[in-house]
Amino acid sequence: MTSPLESPGGRVSRLGNVLVPVEDMDGAIAFYSGALGLAVRFRDGDRFAALDGGGVTVALVGPAEQVAGGVTAPSYRVEDVALAVQELTGAGAELVHGPEAGPHEVRAVLRDPSGNALVLYAPL
């Protein structure tokens, strides 16, 4: 049996990043890049910063981008967000909000059957 995110329809997903909510982007970047040594790959003001986590992106998200409600959450890249939401809710996930267009992608927030937040996204 194939999973909803790896079905023959071409919706192959991958862990794109882990969203880490922060209140102070400058302070968070100083910590994650200075103390932990993660290289900053991209920054969008106080909204978002992508750091190289060695195979997965550590995504620092400011208050405007805390789509998962201020909790750390894995974010999965999918081919079709609406279809993946339909399949995952059919498998027991709960849709929290979306799909909706964000500044760089279409995204949706769900909770798995254990209540953990996860985000699905597809680039615009």
Protein backbone atom coordinates (compact mmCIF):
# COMPACT_ATOMS: atom_id res chain seq x y z
CA MET A 1 0.00 0.00 0.00
CA THR A 2 1.37 3.43 -0.91
CA SER A 3 1.08 6.35 1.44
CA PRO A 4 -1.05 9.38 0.51
CA LEU A 5 2.13 11.40 0.08
CA GLU A 6 3.96 8.83 -2.06
CA SER A 7 1.22 7.58 -4.34
CA PRO A 8 1.50 6.90 -8.08
CA GLY A 9 -0.11 10.30 -8.78
CA GLY A 10 3.28 12.00 -8.58
CA ARG A 11 2.74 13.71 -5.23
CA VAL A 12 6.09 12.58 -3.89
CA SER A 13 6.83 14.45 -0.69
CA ARG A 14 9.90 15.07 1.33
CA LEU A 15 10.61 16.67 4.64
CA GLY A 16 11.26 20.19 3.47
CA ASN A 17 11.98 21.85 6.78
CA VAL A 18 11.26 21.95 10.46
CA LEU A 19 9.43 25.12 11.49
CA VAL A 20 10.81 26.61 14.71
CA PRO A 21 8.78 29.53 16.10
CA VAL A 22 10.80 32.50 17.32
CA GLU A 23 9.89 35.91 18.71
CA ASP A 24 13.20 37.68 17.98
CA MET A 25 14.55 36.80 14.52
CA ASP A 26 17.91 38.54 15.02
CA GLY A 27 18.46 36.81 18.36
CA ALA A 28 17.36 33.44 16.98
CA ILE A 29 19.67 33.73 13.97
CA ALA A 30 22.53 34.72 16.28
CA PHE A 31 21.89 31.60 18.36
CA TYR A 32 21.30 29.08 15.57
CA SER A 33 24.09 30.37 13.32
CA GLY A 34 26.54 31.54 15.99
CA ALA A 35 26.15 29.02 18.79
CA LEU A 36 25.05 26.02 16.70
CA GLY A 37 27.03 26.90 13.57
CA LEU A 38 24.15 26.55 11.07
CA ALA A 39 24.69 28.56 7.88
CA VAL A 40 21.94 31.05 6.96
CA ARG A 41 20.73 30.25 3.44
CA PHE A 42 17.85 32.75 3.14
CA ARG A 43 16.14 35.42 5.18
CA ASP A 44 12.83 37.19 4.61
CA GLY A 45 13.00 40.03 7.13
CA ASP A 46 11.48 39.13 10.49
CA ARG A 47 9.10 36.57 8.90
CA PHE A 48 11.35 33.65 7.99
CA ALA A 49 14.96 32.47 7.90
CA ALA A 50 16.20 29.21 6.37
CA LEU A 51 19.29 27.67 7.93
CA ASP A 52 21.22 24.65 6.70
CA GLY A 53 20.54 21.85 9.15
CA GLY A 54 22.68 19.29 7.31
CA GLY A 55 20.11 17.61 5.11
CA VAL A 56 16.99 19.38 6.35
CA THR A 57 16.26 23.09 6.60
CA VAL A 58 15.80 24.61 10.04
CA ALA A 59 13.17 27.27 9.33
CA LEU A 60 13.00 30.02 11.92
CA VAL A 61 9.52 31.56 11.72
CA GLY A 62 8.58 34.88 13.22
CA PRO A 63 5.09 35.62 14.55
CA ALA A 64 3.68 36.38 11.07
CA GLU A 65 4.67 32.91 9.78
CA GLN A 66 3.80 30.73 12.77
CA VAL A 67 1.13 28.88 10.80
CA ALA A 68 1.30 25.83 13.10
CA GLY A 69 0.22 27.88 16.11
CA GLY A 70 3.58 28.64 17.71
CA VAL A 71 4.74 25.03 18.01
CA THR A 72 7.68 23.32 16.32
CA ALA A 73 6.33 21.36 13.35
CA PRO A 74 7.69 19.34 10.42
CA SER A 75 6.82 20.78 7.02
CA TYR A 76 6.42 18.40 4.06
CA ARG A 77 6.70 19.40 0.41
CA VAL A 78 3.96 17.84 -1.72
CA GLU A 79 2.94 18.13 -5.35
CA ASP A 80 -0.72 19.00 -4.70
CA VAL A 81 -1.62 20.39 -1.27
CA ALA A 82 -5.40 20.08 -1.66
CA LEU A 83 -5.19 16.45 -2.77
CA ALA A 84 -2.74 15.55 0.01
CA VAL A 85 -5.06 17.21 2.56
CA GLN A 86 -8.00 15.18 1.24
CA GLU A 87 -6.07 11.93 1.46
CA LEU A 88 -4.59 12.62 4.90
CA THR A 89 -7.90 13.69 6.42
CA GLY A 90 -9.33 10.46 5.01
CA ALA A 91 -6.57 8.64 6.88
CA GLY A 92 -7.42 10.29 10.21
CA ALA A 93 -5.67 13.68 10.16
CA GLU A 94 -7.56 16.83 11.19
CA LEU A 95 -7.39 19.93 8.99
CA VAL A 96 -6.53 22.97 11.13
CA HIS A 97 -6.53 25.52 8.28
CA GLY A 98 -5.85 25.89 4.59
CA PRO A 99 -4.97 25.22 1.94
CA GLU A 100 -4.09 28.88 1.51
CA ALA A 101 -1.52 30.90 -0.39
CA GLY A 102 1.35 32.22 1.71
CA PRO A 103 4.09 34.56 0.58
CA HIS A 104 6.12 31.79 -1.09
CA GLU A 105 3.91 28.69 -1.22
CA VAL A 106 0.47 27.14 -0.89
CA ARG A 107 0.21 25.54 2.55
CA ALA A 108 -2.10 23.73 4.90
CA VAL A 109 -1.80 22.88 8.58
CA LEU A 110 -3.05 19.55 9.92
CA ARG A 111 -2.87 17.52 13.11
CA ASP A 112 -1.98 13.85 12.92
CA PRO A 113 -4.20 11.34 14.78
CA SER A 114 -2.08 11.91 17.92
CA GLY A 115 -2.63 15.69 17.80
CA ASN A 116 0.82 16.70 16.47
CA ALA A 117 0.94 19.64 14.05
CA LEU A 118 2.32 19.20 10.55
CA VAL A 119 2.41 21.50 7.55
CA LEU A 120 2.06 20.59 3.88
CA TYR A 121 3.36 22.99 1.24
CA ALA A 122 3.93 23.39 -2.48
CA PRO A 123 5.89 26.28 -4.00
CA LEU A 124 3.83 28.89 -5.86
